[in-house]
């Protein structure tokens, strides 16, 4: 009998779900922290942050204390 948890498809599905959860959590945290730092963000910045890959979100969270104005995000938002 096949063990579902050992299936490569199962592991891929789990990995995608975990990545999606991390992206969602980082996006929410980043928007919340940027709002606390700069006041209400423009809808453009919020939407662009939501579109970022996990790696970019991790960089933005790590660099949040280096940002002096919302425009500093431009270097990282694609």
Protein backbone atom coordinates (compact mmCIF):
# COMPACT_ATOMS: atom_id res chain seq x y z
CA UNK A 1 0.00 0.00 0.00
CA UNK A 2 1.25 3.48 -0.87
CA UNK A 3 1.94 5.83 2.01
CA UNK A 4 0.43 9.15 0.92
CA UNK A 5 2.84 11.20 3.02
CA UNK A 6 5.80 9.70 1.14
CA UNK A 7 4.36 10.64 -2.24
CA UNK A 8 6.30 13.34 -4.12
CA UNK A 9 3.00 14.92 -5.23
CA UNK A 10 1.78 15.08 -1.62
CA UNK A 11 5.04 16.69 -0.48
CA UNK A 12 4.84 19.23 -3.31
CA UNK A 13 1.28 20.16 -2.37
CA UNK A 14 2.27 20.58 1.28
CA UNK A 15 5.32 22.68 0.34
CA UNK A 16 3.18 24.97 -1.87
CA UNK A 17 0.65 25.38 0.93
CA UNK A 18 3.34 26.22 3.46
CA UNK A 19 4.87 28.78 1.09
CA UNK A 20 1.48 30.36 0.47
CA UNK A 21 0.91 30.60 4.23
CA UNK A 22 4.33 32.19 4.81
CA UNK A 23 3.72 34.72 2.01
CA UNK A 24 0.35 35.66 3.47
CA UNK A 25 1.74 36.07 6.99
CA UNK A 26 4.76 38.11 5.85
CA UNK A 27 2.58 40.30 3.63
CA UNK A 28 0.17 41.08 6.46
CA UNK A 29 2.98 41.72 8.93
CA UNK A 30 4.89 43.93 6.50
CA UNK A 31 1.87 46.06 5.61
CA UNK A 32 1.01 46.39 9.30
CA UNK A 33 4.55 47.44 10.24
CA UNK A 34 4.91 49.86 7.33
CA UNK A 35 1.55 51.41 8.24
CA UNK A 36 2.69 51.83 11.84
CA UNK A 37 5.94 53.41 10.64
CA UNK A 38 4.66 55.68 7.84
CA UNK A 39 0.90 55.94 8.34
CA UNK A 40 -1.61 54.63 5.85
CA UNK A 41 0.10 53.16 2.78
CA UNK A 42 -1.18 53.98 -0.67
CA UNK A 43 -3.29 51.21 -2.22
CA UNK A 44 -0.58 50.92 -4.90
CA UNK A 45 2.09 49.99 -2.35
CA UNK A 46 -0.22 47.57 -0.56
CA UNK A 47 -1.12 45.80 -3.81
CA UNK A 48 2.47 45.66 -4.99
CA UNK A 49 3.57 44.17 -1.66
CA UNK A 50 0.86 41.50 -1.95
CA UNK A 51 2.23 40.51 -5.39
CA UNK A 52 5.80 39.85 -4.18
CA UNK A 53 7.50 36.47 -3.99
CA UNK A 54 8.38 35.01 -0.60
CA UNK A 55 12.07 35.86 -0.96
CA UNK A 56 11.35 39.55 -1.65
CA UNK A 57 8.99 39.74 1.33
CA UNK A 58 11.70 38.26 3.57
CA UNK A 59 14.16 40.93 2.38
CA UNK A 60 11.63 43.71 2.96
CA UNK A 61 10.90 42.51 6.50
CA UNK A 62 14.64 42.32 7.25
CA UNK A 63 15.23 45.85 5.92
CA UNK A 64 12.18 47.59 7.41
CA UNK A 65 14.31 49.62 9.82
CA UNK A 66 16.38 50.95 6.91
CA UNK A 67 13.39 52.52 5.18
CA UNK A 68 12.89 56.24 5.84
CA UNK A 69 9.89 56.75 3.56
CA UNK A 70 7.52 54.52 1.58
CA UNK A 71 9.35 55.39 -1.63
CA UNK A 72 12.37 53.47 -0.32
CA UNK A 73 10.40 50.30 -1.12
CA UNK A 74 10.70 51.02 -4.84
CA UNK A 75 14.09 49.36 -5.07
CA UNK A 76 12.55 46.02 -4.02
CA UNK A 77 9.05 46.07 -5.49
CA UNK A 78 8.81 44.63 -8.99
